[in-house]
C-alpha atoms as a PDB file:
ATOM      1  CA  MET A   1      -0.355  -3.277  63.599  1.00  0.00           C
ATOM      2  CA  LEU A   2      -1.958  -6.053  65.559  1.00  0.00           C
ATOM      3  CA  ASP A   3      -5.222  -4.955  67.199  1.00  0.00           C
ATOM      4  CA  GLY A   4      -4.568  -1.382  66.121  1.00  0.00           C
ATOM      5  CA  GLN A   5      -7.060   1.387  65.477  1.00  0.00           C
ATOM      6  CA  ARG A   6      -6.747   3.585  62.383  1.00  0.00           C
ATOM      7  CA  TYR A   7      -7.513   7.315  62.397  1.00  0.00           C
ATOM      8  CA  SER A   8      -7.611   9.886  59.619  1.00  0.00           C
ATOM      9  CA  PHE A   9      -5.775  13.179  59.918  1.00  0.00           C
ATOM     10  CA  SER A  10      -8.015  16.142  60.804  1.00  0.00           C
ATOM     11  CA  GLU A  11      -8.329  19.360  58.856  1.00  0.00           C
ATOM     12  CA  ARG A  12      -7.929  22.511  60.941  1.00  0.00           C
ATOM     13  CA  THR A  13      -7.411  26.209  60.305  1.00  0.00           C
ATOM     14  CA  ASP A  14      -4.198  27.759  61.620  1.00  0.00           C
ATOM     15  CA  ASN A  15      -3.781  31.266  63.100  1.00  0.00           C
ATOM     16  CA  PHE A  16      -3.302  32.685  59.594  1.00  0.00           C
ATOM     17  CA  GLY A  17      -6.552  31.194  58.249  1.00  0.00           C
ATOM     18  CA  ARG A  18      -4.776  28.481  56.252  1.00  0.00           C
ATOM     19  CA  SER A  19      -6.129  24.966  56.097  1.00  0.00           C
ATOM     20  CA  ILE A  20      -3.767  22.359  57.567  1.00  0.00           C
ATOM     21  CA  ILE A  21      -4.104  18.604  57.999  1.00  0.00           C
ATOM     22  CA  MET A  22      -2.722  17.213  61.269  1.00  0.00           C
ATOM     23  CA  PRO A  23      -2.790  13.943  63.260  1.00  0.00           C
ATOM     24  CA  TYR A  24      -5.304  14.627  66.033  1.00  0.00           C
ATOM     25  CA  LEU A  25      -6.417  11.766  68.276  1.00  0.00           C
ATOM     26  CA  PRO A  26      -9.738  11.751  70.167  1.00  0.00           C
ATOM     27  CA  LEU A  27      -9.272  10.727  73.778  1.00  0.00           C
ATOM     28  CA  ILE A  28     -10.967  11.051  77.142  1.00  0.00           C
ATOM     29  CA  LEU A  29      -8.988  12.551  80.007  1.00  0.00           C
ATOM     30  CA  THR A  30     -10.015  11.759  83.574  1.00  0.00           C
ATOM     31  CA  LEU A  31      -8.924  13.385  86.816  1.00  0.00           C
ATOM     32  CA  GLY A  32     -10.788  12.338  89.949  1.00  0.00           C
ATOM     33  CA  ASN A  33     -14.493  12.403  89.093  1.00  0.00           C
ATOM     34  CA  SER A  34     -14.099  14.720  86.082  1.00  0.00           C
ATOM     35  CA  CYS A  35     -13.887  13.488  82.480  1.00  0.00           C
ATOM     36  CA  LEU A  36     -13.309  15.536  79.365  1.00  0.00           C
ATOM     37  CA  GLU A  37     -13.202  14.511  75.708  1.00  0.00           C
ATOM     38  CA  VAL A  38     -10.357  16.261  73.866  1.00  0.00           C
ATOM     39  CA  GLN A  39      -8.414  16.095  70.620  1.00  0.00           C
ATOM     40  CA  GLY A  40      -4.696  15.520  71.182  1.00  0.00           C
ATOM     41  CA  LEU A  41      -2.113  16.455  68.553  1.00  0.00           C
ATOM     42  CA  LEU A  42       0.399  13.643  68.001  1.00  0.00           C
ATOM     43  CA  ASP A  43       3.752  15.421  67.962  1.00  0.00           C
ATOM     44  CA  THR A  44       6.750  13.172  67.352  1.00  0.00           C
ATOM     45  CA  GLY A  45       9.015  16.176  67.924  1.00  0.00           C
ATOM     46  CA  ALA A  46       7.644  16.973  71.380  1.00  0.00           C
ATOM     47  CA  SER A  47       9.601  15.688  74.356  1.00  0.00           C
ATOM     48  CA  VAL A  48       6.649  15.904  76.752  1.00  0.00           C
ATOM     49  CA  ASN A  49       2.858  15.906  76.717  1.00  0.00           C
ATOM     50  CA  VAL A  50       1.393  19.400  77.086  1.00  0.00           C
ATOM     51  CA  LEU A  51      -1.976  20.271  78.597  1.00  0.00           C
ATOM     52  CA  PRO A  52      -3.507  23.725  78.045  1.00  0.00           C
ATOM     53  CA  TYR A  53      -4.585  25.658  81.129  1.00  0.00           C
ATOM     54  CA  GLU A  54      -8.332  25.524  80.372  1.00  0.00           C
ATOM     55  CA  VAL A  55      -8.311  21.741  80.037  1.00  0.00           C
ATOM     56  CA  GLY A  56      -6.669  21.314  83.438  1.00  0.00           C
ATOM     57  CA  ILE A  57      -9.198  23.690  84.996  1.00  0.00           C
ATOM     58  CA  GLN A  58     -12.113  21.827  83.365  1.00  0.00           C
ATOM     59  CA  LEU A  59     -10.734  18.587  84.849  1.00  0.00           C
ATOM     60  CA  GLY A  60     -10.779  20.193  88.301  1.00  0.00           C
ATOM     61  CA  ALA A  61      -7.029  20.661  88.742  1.00  0.00           C
ATOM     62  CA  VAL A  62      -5.867  23.562  90.904  1.00  0.00           C
ATOM     63  CA  TRP A  63      -2.777  25.365  89.596  1.00  0.00           C
ATOM     64  CA  GLU A  64      -1.513  26.310  93.062  1.00  0.00           C
ATOM     65  CA  ASN A  65      -1.654  22.663  94.215  1.00  0.00           C
ATOM     66  CA  GLN A  66       0.753  21.461  91.521  1.00  0.00           C
ATOM     67  CA  ASN A  67       4.267  21.949  92.882  1.00  0.00           C
ATOM     68  CA  VAL A  68       6.413  20.144  90.285  1.00  0.00           C
ATOM     69  CA  SER A  69       7.751  22.589  87.696  1.00  0.00           C
ATOM     70  CA  ILE A  70       8.252  21.190  84.176  1.00  0.00           C
ATOM     71  CA  PRO A  71      10.536  23.229  81.906  1.00  0.00           C
ATOM     72  CA  LEU A  72       9.305  23.595  78.326  1.00  0.00           C
ATOM     73  CA  SER A  73      11.269  24.510  75.208  1.00  0.00           C
ATOM     74  CA  GLY A  74      10.572  25.775  71.702  1.00  0.00           C
ATOM     75  CA  ASN A  75       7.501  27.970  71.248  1.00  0.00           C
ATOM     76  CA  LEU A  76       6.359  27.156  74.780  1.00  0.00           C
ATOM     77  CA  GLY A  77       9.746  27.814  76.405  1.00  0.00           C
ATOM     78  CA  GLN A  78       8.729  31.090  78.048  1.00  0.00           C
ATOM     79  CA  GLU A  79       5.640  29.614  79.694  1.00  0.00           C
ATOM     80  CA  ASP A  80       5.423  28.348  83.277  1.00  0.00           C
ATOM     81  CA  SER A  81       4.174  24.757  83.508  1.00  0.00           C
ATOM     82  CA  ARG A  82       3.464  22.272  86.270  1.00  0.00           C
ATOM     83  CA  GLY A  83       3.374  18.490  86.282  1.00  0.00           C
ATOM     84  CA  LEU A  84      -0.086  16.904  86.188  1.00  0.00           C
ATOM     85  CA  VAL A  85      -0.881  13.201  85.813  1.00  0.00           C
ATOM     86  CA  VAL A  86      -4.265  12.207  84.377  1.00  0.00           C
ATOM     87  CA  SER A  87      -5.841   9.014  83.099  1.00  0.00           C
ATOM     88  CA  ALA A  88      -6.367   8.857  79.338  1.00  0.00           C
ATOM     89  CA  THR A  89      -8.631   6.516  77.417  1.00  0.00           C
ATOM     90  CA  VAL A  90      -8.432   6.003  73.669  1.00  0.00           C
ATOM     91  CA  ARG A  91     -11.453   4.131  72.305  1.00  0.00           C
ATOM     92  CA  GLN A  92     -11.374   0.440  73.167  1.00  0.00           C
ATOM     93  CA  PHE A  93      -7.873   0.473  74.664  1.00  0.00           C
ATOM     94  CA  PRO A  94      -7.353   0.226  78.429  1.00  0.00           C
ATOM     95  CA  PRO A  95      -6.810   3.569  80.212  1.00  0.00           C
ATOM     96  CA  VAL A  96      -3.215   4.735  80.717  1.00  0.00           C
ATOM     97  CA  LEU A  97      -1.706   7.341  83.016  1.00  0.00           C
ATOM     98  CA  LEU A  98      -0.219  10.254  81.098  1.00  0.00           C
ATOM     99  CA  ALA A  99       2.090  12.849  82.638  1.00  0.00           C
ATOM    100  CA  PHE A 100       1.517  16.353  81.276  1.00  0.00           C
ATOM    101  CA  ALA A 101       3.295  19.657  81.469  1.00  0.00           C
ATOM    102  CA  TRP A 102       0.238  21.727  82.383  1.00  0.00           C
ATOM    103  CA  THR A 103       0.932  25.171  80.983  1.00  0.00           C
ATOM    104  CA  GLN A 104      -0.728  28.494  81.701  1.00  0.00           C
ATOM    105  CA  LEU A 105      -0.767  29.107  77.950  1.00  0.00           C
ATOM    106  CA  ARG A 106      -4.327  29.190  76.702  1.00  0.00           C
ATOM    107  CA  ASN A 107      -3.897  28.987  72.932  1.00  0.00           C
ATOM    108  CA  THR A 108      -2.238  25.610  72.504  1.00  0.00           C
ATOM    109  CA  PRO A 109      -3.640  22.193  71.681  1.00  0.00           C
ATOM    110  CA  VAL A 110      -3.320  19.151  73.887  1.00  0.00           C
ATOM    111  CA  ILE A 111       0.059  17.828  72.708  1.00  0.00           C
ATOM    112  CA  LEU A 112       0.956  14.151  72.924  1.00  0.00           C
ATOM    113  CA  GLY A 113       4.736  13.672  72.966  1.00  0.00           C
ATOM    114  CA  HIS A 114       7.437  11.172  73.764  1.00  0.00           C
ATOM    115  CA  MET A 115       7.174  11.456  77.551  1.00  0.00           C
ATOM    116  CA  ASN A 116       4.984   9.529  77.951  1.00  0.00           C
ATOM    117  CA  PHE A 117       2.380   9.083  75.200  1.00  0.00           C
ATOM    118  CA  PHE A 118       4.788   7.428  72.749  1.00  0.00           C
ATOM    119  CA  ALA A 119       6.042   5.253  75.614  1.00  0.00           C
ATOM    120  CA  GLU A 120       2.492   3.891  76.025  1.00  0.00           C
ATOM    121  CA  PHE A 121       1.429   3.564  72.373  1.00  0.00           C
ATOM    122  CA  ASP A 122       2.967   2.479  69.094  1.00  0.00           C
ATOM    123  CA  VAL A 123       1.978   4.748  66.231  1.00  0.00           C
ATOM    124  CA  CYS A 124       2.416   4.162  62.512  1.00  0.00           C
ATOM    125  CA  PHE A 125       1.853   7.091  60.125  1.00  0.00           C
ATOM    126  CA  TYR A 126       0.596   6.570  56.556  1.00  0.00           C
ATOM    127  CA  ARG A 127       1.533   9.548  54.416  1.00  0.00           C
ATOM    128  CA  ARG A 128      -0.392   8.617  51.274  1.00  0.00           C
ATOM    129  CA  GLU A 129      -3.590   7.993  53.188  1.00  0.00           C
ATOM    130  CA  LEU A 130      -3.079  10.887  55.617  1.00  0.00           C
ATOM    131  CA  ALA A 131      -3.838   8.474  58.419  1.00  0.00           C
ATOM    132  CA  PHE A 132      -2.186   6.883  61.426  1.00  0.00           C
ATOM    133  CA  GLU A 133      -2.655   3.650  63.323  1.00  0.00           C
ATOM    134  CA  LEU A 134      -2.382   3.306  67.064  1.00  0.00           C
ATOM    135  CA  CYS A 135      -2.034   0.333  69.383  1.00  0.00           C
ATOM    136  CA  PRO A 136      -0.919  -0.063  73.021  1.00  0.00           C
ATOM    137  CA  ARG A 137       2.691  -1.042  73.544  1.00  0.00           C
ATOM    138  CA  SER A 138       3.362  -4.496  74.893  1.00  0.00           C
ATOM    139  CA  LYS A 139       4.617  -4.270  78.438  1.00  0.00           C
END
């Protein structure tokens, strides 16, 4: 990819104590005057971006002030979620606005999905290297 940035997959431990290797991306989320560095899981099967409750709170968001309900499906389908738009910065790339389904669930990673992370970035996965490359989409 032209002007792309390559990242290695990260090793994590799942809820059963097993070691798993997943594509996590370091990024900085900004809302108003608050910034927070997080690791977002690239999920090509996710329709929307998902933000855990604690992350929204740390950014200064107020649950009661978010009045757009975002329905979730799959494992998160039973959880209430609200729309929240934040600025996201990935290394040297210009900041982009990302729309999240901010969920009250506390034990979930930041999930980066099709709406709208994969609309903002092109991602190429390298299975043999357990890596991925990221670059902003041309507008």
